[in-house]
Amino acid sequence: MPAALNTLAWIFDLLDREETYLCKPMFGCLAAYLDGQLCLVAADRGDPWNGLLVCTSRDRHAALVEDLPALRPHPVLGKWLYVPESAPEFEDTAQQVATLVLARDERIGVEPKPRRKGGRIALPKG
């Protein structure tokens, strides 16, 4: 199971009991979806891909950073917030973010882009 290979998979444990929770590999990391929205990415690779990415929009950054000061814009994906695993407050912040996701905090979560297949958008069958 891919989750066992990612040392940060524990962050998603709180979400595991939710019916709409889905965990998928994404760019060598793990992505957590809830209610169809991409919410979190646990990255345990080299910097700057070692920590928790919080999927949100730029207009929500200030409110989230006010509540969770360890968060900052990701150095590559600036549209999302990030707390590096090396931060002293990493574990507490990761647990707080997972709790916000579980509570369906409207500041966290983005609609995933449709997957492309052969240059076309793959539409659901049916």
N, C-alpha and C. Protein backbone atom coordinates (compact mmCIF):
# COMPACT_ATOMS: atom_id res chain seq x y z
N MET A 1 0.86 -1.19 0.00
CA MET A 1 0.00 0.00 0.00
C MET A 1 0.89 1.24 0.00
N PRO A 2 0.64 2.22 -0.87
CA PRO A 2 1.49 3.39 -0.98
C PRO A 2 1.58 4.18 0.32
N ALA A 3 0.51 4.23 1.11
CA ALA A 3 0.51 5.03 2.33
C ALA A 3 1.60 4.57 3.28
N ALA A 4 1.91 3.29 3.33
CA ALA A 4 2.92 2.76 4.24
C ALA A 4 4.31 3.25 3.85
N LEU A 5 4.51 3.60 2.61
CA LEU A 5 5.81 4.05 2.14
C LEU A 5 6.08 5.51 2.48
N ASN A 6 5.06 6.27 2.73
CA ASN A 6 5.20 7.69 3.04
C ASN A 6 5.25 7.86 4.55
N THR A 7 6.35 8.41 5.05
CA THR A 7 6.53 8.54 6.50
C THR A 7 5.57 9.54 7.13
N LEU A 8 4.86 10.32 6.33
CA LEU A 8 3.92 11.31 6.85
C LEU A 8 2.46 10.86 6.70
N ALA A 9 2.24 9.62 6.33
CA ALA A 9 0.88 9.12 6.13
C ALA A 9 0.04 9.21 7.41
N TRP A 10 0.67 9.23 8.57
CA TRP A 10 -0.04 9.32 9.84
C TRP A 10 -0.93 10.57 9.92
N ILE A 11 -0.57 11.59 9.16
CA ILE A 11 -1.35 12.83 9.19
C ILE A 11 -2.79 12.58 8.76
N PHE A 12 -2.98 11.61 7.88
CA PHE A 12 -4.31 11.33 7.34
C PHE A 12 -5.12 10.37 8.20
N ASP A 13 -4.54 9.83 9.29
CA ASP A 13 -5.24 8.86 10.13
C ASP A 13 -6.59 9.36 10.60
N LEU A 14 -6.67 10.63 10.97
CA LEU A 14 -7.92 11.21 11.46
C LEU A 14 -9.02 11.18 10.40
N LEU A 15 -8.62 11.27 9.13
CA LEU A 15 -9.59 11.32 8.03
C LEU A 15 -10.08 9.94 7.62
N ASP A 16 -9.34 8.92 8.00
CA ASP A 16 -9.57 7.56 7.53
C ASP A 16 -10.98 7.04 7.79
N ARG A 17 -11.62 7.51 8.83
CA ARG A 17 -12.96 7.01 9.18
C ARG A 17 -14.09 7.66 8.37
N GLU A 18 -13.74 8.69 7.62
CA GLU A 18 -14.74 9.40 6.83
C GLU A 18 -15.07 8.64 5.55
N GLU A 19 -16.32 8.51 5.25
CA GLU A 19 -16.78 7.75 4.09
C GLU A 19 -16.26 8.32 2.77
N THR A 20 -16.13 9.64 2.68
CA THR A 20 -15.71 10.26 1.42
C THR A 20 -14.20 10.46 1.33
N TYR A 21 -13.46 10.02 2.33
CA TYR A 21 -12.00 10.17 2.33
C TYR A 21 -11.38 9.25 1.28
N LEU A 22 -10.43 9.82 0.57
CA LEU A 22 -9.69 9.07 -0.44
C LEU A 22 -8.24 9.52 -0.39
N CYS A 23 -7.33 8.56 -0.40
CA CYS A 23 -5.90 8.84 -0.40
C CYS A 23 -5.32 8.30 -1.70
N LYS A 24 -4.59 9.16 -2.42
CA LYS A 24 -4.02 8.76 -3.71
C LYS A 24 -2.58 9.25 -3.82
N PRO A 25 -1.76 8.50 -4.55
CA PRO A 25 -0.41 9.01 -4.82
C PRO A 25 -0.49 10.22 -5.76
N MET A 26 0.40 11.18 -5.52
CA MET A 26 0.45 12.37 -6.37
C MET A 26 1.90 12.85 -6.42
N PHE A 27 2.53 12.74 -7.56
CA PHE A 27 3.89 13.24 -7.77
C PHE A 27 4.87 12.70 -6.72
N GLY A 28 4.75 11.43 -6.37
CA GLY A 28 5.64 10.84 -5.38
C GLY A 28 5.28 11.18 -3.95
N CYS A 29 4.13 11.80 -3.76
CA CYS A 29 3.64 12.17 -2.43
C CYS A 29 2.29 11.48 -2.22
N LEU A 30 1.61 11.80 -1.14
CA LEU A 30 0.26 11.30 -0.90
C LEU A 30 -0.70 12.47 -0.83
N ALA A 31 -1.82 12.34 -1.53
CA ALA A 31 -2.84 13.38 -1.53
C ALA A 31 -4.09 12.88 -0.81
N ALA A 32 -4.67 13.72 0.01
CA ALA A 32 -5.89 13.40 0.74
C ALA A 32 -7.05 14.20 0.15
N TYR A 33 -8.11 13.48 -0.17
CA TYR A 33 -9.34 14.08 -0.70
C TYR A 33 -10.46 13.82 0.30
N LEU A 34 -11.33 14.80 0.47
CA LEU A 34 -12.51 14.64 1.30
C LEU A 34 -13.66 15.32 0.58
N ASP A 35 -14.74 14.60 0.45
CA ASP A 35 -15.92 15.11 -0.27
C ASP A 35 -15.57 15.54 -1.69
N GLY A 36 -14.62 14.84 -2.31
CA GLY A 36 -14.24 15.12 -3.69
C GLY A 36 -13.25 16.26 -3.84
N GLN A 37 -12.90 16.93 -2.77
CA GLN A 37 -11.95 18.04 -2.85
C GLN A 37 -10.56 17.59 -2.43
N LEU A 38 -9.56 18.09 -3.15
CA LEU A 38 -8.17 17.86 -2.78
C LEU A 38 -7.87 18.78 -1.60
N CYS A 39 -7.47 18.19 -0.46
CA CYS A 39 -7.30 18.98 0.76
C CYS A 39 -5.86 19.08 1.23
N LEU A 40 -5.14 17.96 1.24
CA LEU A 40 -3.79 17.93 1.79
C LEU A 40 -2.87 17.09 0.93
N VAL A 41 -1.60 17.41 0.96
CA VAL A 41 -0.58 16.59 0.32
C VAL A 41 0.54 16.40 1.33
N ALA A 42 0.83 15.14 1.63
CA ALA A 42 1.93 14.79 2.53
C ALA A 42 3.14 14.44 1.68
N ALA A 43 4.17 15.24 1.81
CA ALA A 43 5.38 15.07 0.99
C ALA A 43 6.55 14.71 1.89
N ASP A 44 7.15 13.54 1.64
CA ASP A 44 8.30 13.14 2.45
C ASP A 44 9.53 12.92 1.58
N ARG A 45 9.71 13.84 0.67
CA ARG A 45 10.88 13.80 -0.22
C ARG A 45 11.88 14.85 0.24
N GLY A 46 12.76 15.27 -0.64
CA GLY A 46 13.72 16.32 -0.28
C GLY A 46 13.08 17.70 -0.33
N ASP A 47 13.74 18.67 0.30
CA ASP A 47 13.23 20.04 0.28
C ASP A 47 13.09 20.54 -1.15
N PRO A 48 12.05 21.29 -1.47
CA PRO A 48 10.98 21.78 -0.61
C PRO A 48 9.77 20.85 -0.57
N TRP A 49 9.97 19.60 -0.82
CA TRP A 49 8.88 18.62 -0.86
C TRP A 49 8.96 17.70 0.35
N ASN A 50 9.05 18.30 1.53
CA ASN A 50 9.15 17.53 2.75
C ASN A 50 8.34 18.22 3.83
N GLY A 51 7.05 17.89 3.88
CA GLY A 51 6.16 18.50 4.85
C GLY A 51 4.73 18.32 4.42
N LEU A 52 3.88 19.19 4.91
CA LEU A 52 2.45 19.12 4.60
C LEU A 52 2.04 20.32 3.78
N LEU A 53 1.45 20.05 2.62
CA LEU A 53 0.89 21.11 1.79
C LEU A 53 -0.60 21.18 2.05
N VAL A 54 -1.11 22.38 2.25
CA VAL A 54 -2.52 22.61 2.50
C VAL A 54 -3.12 23.23 1.24
N CYS A 55 -4.00 22.49 0.62
CA CYS A 55 -4.59 22.91 -0.66
C CYS A 55 -5.67 23.95 -0.39
N THR A 56 -5.42 25.15 -0.88
CA THR A 56 -6.31 26.27 -0.62
C THR A 56 -6.11 27.29 -1.73
N SER A 57 -6.78 28.41 -1.63
CA SER A 57 -6.59 29.49 -2.60
C SER A 57 -5.90 30.66 -1.91
N ARG A 58 -5.25 31.48 -2.70
CA ARG A 58 -4.48 32.60 -2.13
C ARG A 58 -5.33 33.52 -1.26
N ASP A 59 -6.58 33.69 -1.61
CA ASP A 59 -7.43 34.60 -0.83
C ASP A 59 -7.75 34.05 0.57
N ARG A 60 -7.43 32.80 0.82
CA ARG A 60 -7.67 32.19 2.13
C ARG A 60 -6.39 32.09 2.97
N HIS A 61 -5.26 32.45 2.39
CA HIS A 61 -3.98 32.32 3.09
C HIS A 61 -3.95 33.07 4.42
N ALA A 62 -4.29 34.34 4.39
CA ALA A 62 -4.17 35.18 5.58
C ALA A 62 -4.96 34.61 6.75
N ALA A 63 -6.17 34.17 6.52
CA ALA A 63 -7.00 33.64 7.60
C ALA A 63 -6.42 32.36 8.16
N LEU A 64 -5.90 31.50 7.31
CA LEU A 64 -5.30 30.26 7.79
C LEU A 64 -3.99 30.52 8.55
N VAL A 65 -3.16 31.41 8.03
CA VAL A 65 -1.89 31.73 8.69
C VAL A 65 -2.15 32.41 10.04
N GLU A 66 -3.20 33.20 10.12
CA GLU A 66 -3.54 33.83 11.40
C GLU A 66 -3.85 32.76 12.45
N ASP A 67 -4.57 31.72 12.06
CA ASP A 67 -4.90 30.64 12.99
C ASP A 67 -3.76 29.65 13.19
N LEU A 68 -2.95 29.46 12.16
CA LEU A 68 -1.85 28.50 12.20
C LEU A 68 -0.58 29.17 11.68
N PRO A 69 0.12 29.91 12.53
CA PRO A 69 1.26 30.72 12.08
C PRO A 69 2.43 29.95 11.49
N ALA A 70 2.50 28.65 11.70
CA ALA A 70 3.59 27.85 11.11
C ALA A 70 3.41 27.69 9.60
N LEU A 71 2.20 27.91 9.10
CA LEU A 71 1.95 27.78 7.66
C LEU A 71 2.55 28.96 6.91
N ARG A 72 3.02 28.67 5.70
CA ARG A 72 3.54 29.71 4.81
C ARG A 72 3.33 29.25 3.38
N PRO A 73 3.34 30.17 2.42
CA PRO A 73 3.20 29.73 1.03
C PRO A 73 4.32 28.76 0.65
N HIS A 74 3.95 27.73 -0.08
CA HIS A 74 4.95 26.76 -0.53
C HIS A 74 5.90 27.46 -1.50
N PRO A 75 7.22 27.19 -1.41
CA PRO A 75 8.18 27.89 -2.26
C PRO A 75 8.04 27.61 -3.76
N VAL A 76 7.42 26.51 -4.14
CA VAL A 76 7.22 26.20 -5.56
C VAL A 76 5.75 26.39 -5.94
N LEU A 77 4.85 25.82 -5.15
CA LEU A 77 3.41 25.94 -5.40
C LEU A 77 2.83 27.00 -4.47
N GLY A 78 3.12 28.24 -4.74
CA GLY A 78 2.72 29.35 -3.88
C GLY A 78 1.24 29.50 -3.66
N LYS A 79 0.44 28.85 -4.48
CA LYS A 79 -1.02 28.93 -4.28
C LYS A 79 -1.46 28.12 -3.07
N TRP A 80 -0.60 27.20 -2.61
CA TRP A 80 -0.91 26.38 -1.45
C TRP A 80 -0.01 26.76 -0.28
N LEU A 81 -0.51 26.51 0.92
CA LEU A 81 0.28 26.74 2.12
C LEU A 81 1.04 25.48 2.48
N TYR A 82 2.05 25.64 3.34
CA TYR A 82 2.99 24.55 3.60
C TYR A 82 3.58 24.71 4.99
N VAL A 83 3.80 23.59 5.64
CA VAL A 83 4.60 23.57 6.85
C VAL A 83 5.65 22.48 6.65
N PRO A 84 6.93 22.86 6.68
CA PRO A 84 7.97 21.85 6.48
C PRO A 84 8.06 20.91 7.69
N GLU A 85 8.43 19.66 7.43
CA GLU A 85 8.57 18.69 8.51
C GLU A 85 9.63 19.14 9.51
N SER A 86 10.59 19.92 9.08
CA SER A 86 11.66 20.39 9.95
C SER A 86 11.21 21.47 10.94
N ALA A 87 10.01 22.03 10.76
CA ALA A 87 9.52 23.08 11.66
C ALA A 87 9.23 22.47 13.04
N PRO A 88 9.61 23.16 14.11
CA PRO A 88 9.37 22.63 15.46
C PRO A 88 7.89 22.34 15.73
N GLU A 89 7.01 23.12 15.09
CA GLU A 89 5.58 22.96 15.33
C GLU A 89 4.89 22.08 14.28
N PHE A 90 5.69 21.31 13.53
CA PHE A 90 5.13 20.52 12.43
C PHE A 90 4.02 19.58 12.88
N GLU A 91 4.27 18.74 13.86
CA GLU A 91 3.29 17.73 14.25
C GLU A 91 2.00 18.37 14.75
N ASP A 92 2.11 19.38 15.59
CA ASP A 92 0.91 20.05 16.10
C ASP A 92 0.13 20.71 14.97
N THR A 93 0.85 21.38 14.07
CA THR A 93 0.19 22.05 12.95
C THR A 93 -0.48 21.04 12.04
N ALA A 94 0.19 19.93 11.75
CA ALA A 94 -0.39 18.90 10.89
C ALA A 94 -1.67 18.34 11.50
N GLN A 95 -1.67 18.10 12.80
CA GLN A 95 -2.87 17.58 13.47
C GLN A 95 -3.99 18.62 13.45
N GLN A 96 -3.64 19.88 13.66
CA GLN A 96 -4.66 20.94 13.63
C GLN A 96 -5.26 21.08 12.23
N VAL A 97 -4.42 21.00 11.20
CA VAL A 97 -4.92 21.10 9.83
C VAL A 97 -5.83 19.92 9.51
N ALA A 98 -5.43 18.71 9.89
CA ALA A 98 -6.27 17.53 9.65
C ALA A 98 -7.62 17.68 10.36
N THR A 99 -7.60 18.25 11.55
CA THR A 99 -8.85 18.48 12.29
C THR A 99 -9.74 19.48 11.54
N LEU A 100 -9.13 20.53 10.98
CA LEU A 100 -9.91 21.50 10.19
C LEU A 100 -10.51 20.85 8.95
N VAL A 101 -9.74 19.98 8.30
CA VAL A 101 -10.25 19.27 7.12
C VAL A 101 -11.44 18.41 7.53
N LEU A 102 -11.29 17.68 8.61
CA LEU A 102 -12.36 16.81 9.10
C LEU A 102 -13.62 17.61 9.42
N ALA A 103 -13.44 18.84 9.92
CA ALA A 103 -14.56 19.72 10.24
C ALA A 103 -15.13 20.42 9.01
N ARG A 104 -14.55 20.10 7.86
CA ARG A 104 -14.97 20.71 6.58
C ARG A 104 -14.79 22.22 6.59
N ASP A 105 -13.68 22.68 7.14
CA ASP A 105 -13.37 24.11 7.14
C ASP A 105 -13.32 24.58 5.68
N GLU A 106 -14.10 25.58 5.37
CA GLU A 106 -14.23 26.04 3.97
C GLU A 106 -12.96 26.67 3.41
N ARG A 107 -11.99 26.96 4.27
CA ARG A 107 -10.75 27.55 3.79
C ARG A 107 -9.81 26.51 3.18
N ILE A 108 -10.09 25.23 3.42
CA ILE A 108 -9.21 24.17 2.94
C ILE A 108 -9.95 23.31 1.93
N GLY A 109 -9.29 23.04 0.82
CA GLY A 109 -9.86 22.17 -0.21
C GLY A 109 -10.02 22.91 -1.53
N VAL A 110 -9.63 22.22 -2.58
CA VAL A 110 -9.79 22.75 -3.94
C VAL A 110 -10.36 21.65 -4.82
N GLU A 111 -11.06 22.06 -5.84
CA GLU A 111 -11.57 21.09 -6.81
C GLU A 111 -10.40 20.55 -7.61
N PRO A 112 -10.25 19.24 -7.67
CA PRO A 112 -9.15 18.70 -8.48
C PRO A 112 -9.40 18.95 -9.96
N LYS A 113 -8.32 19.17 -10.69
CA LYS A 113 -8.46 19.36 -12.13
C LYS A 113 -8.80 18.02 -12.77
N PRO A 114 -9.66 18.02 -13.78
CA PRO A 114 -9.98 16.76 -14.45
C PRO A 114 -8.72 16.13 -15.03
N ARG A 115 -8.66 14.82 -14.94
CA ARG A 115 -7.50 14.11 -15.50
C ARG A 115 -7.60 14.10 -17.01
N ARG A 116 -6.45 14.24 -17.64
CA ARG A 116 -6.41 14.22 -19.10
C ARG A 116 -5.99 12.85 -19.56
N LYS A 117 -6.58 12.41 -20.63
CA LYS A 117 -6.24 11.10 -21.19
C LYS A 117 -6.06 11.31 -22.69
N GLY A 118 -4.84 11.14 -23.15
CA GLY A 118 -4.58 11.33 -24.58
C GLY A 118 -4.87 12.72 -25.07
N GLY A 119 -4.65 13.73 -24.20
CA GLY A 119 -4.87 15.11 -24.61
C GLY A 119 -6.31 15.57 -24.43
N ARG A 120 -7.17 14.68 -24.01
CA ARG A 120 -8.57 15.04 -23.79
C ARG A 120 -8.91 14.89 -22.32
N ILE A 121 -9.89 15.62 -21.89
CA ILE A 121 -10.35 15.49 -20.51
C ILE A 121 -11.15 14.20 -20.42
N ALA A 122 -10.80 13.37 -19.44
CA ALA A 122 -11.53 12.12 -19.22
C ALA A 122 -12.80 12.43 -18.46
N LEU A 123 -13.94 12.20 -19.08
CA LEU A 123 -15.22 12.45 -18.45
C LEU A 123 -15.74 11.17 -17.82
N PRO A 124 -16.50 11.28 -16.73
CA PRO A 124 -17.06 10.08 -16.10
C PRO A 124 -17.98 9.34 -17.07
N LYS A 125 -17.95 8.03 -16.99
CA LYS A 125 -18.83 7.22 -17.84
C LYS A 125 -20.21 7.17 -17.22
N GLY A 126 -21.20 7.09 -18.09
CA GLY A 126 -22.54 6.90 -17.56
C GLY A 126 -23.50 7.89 -17.95
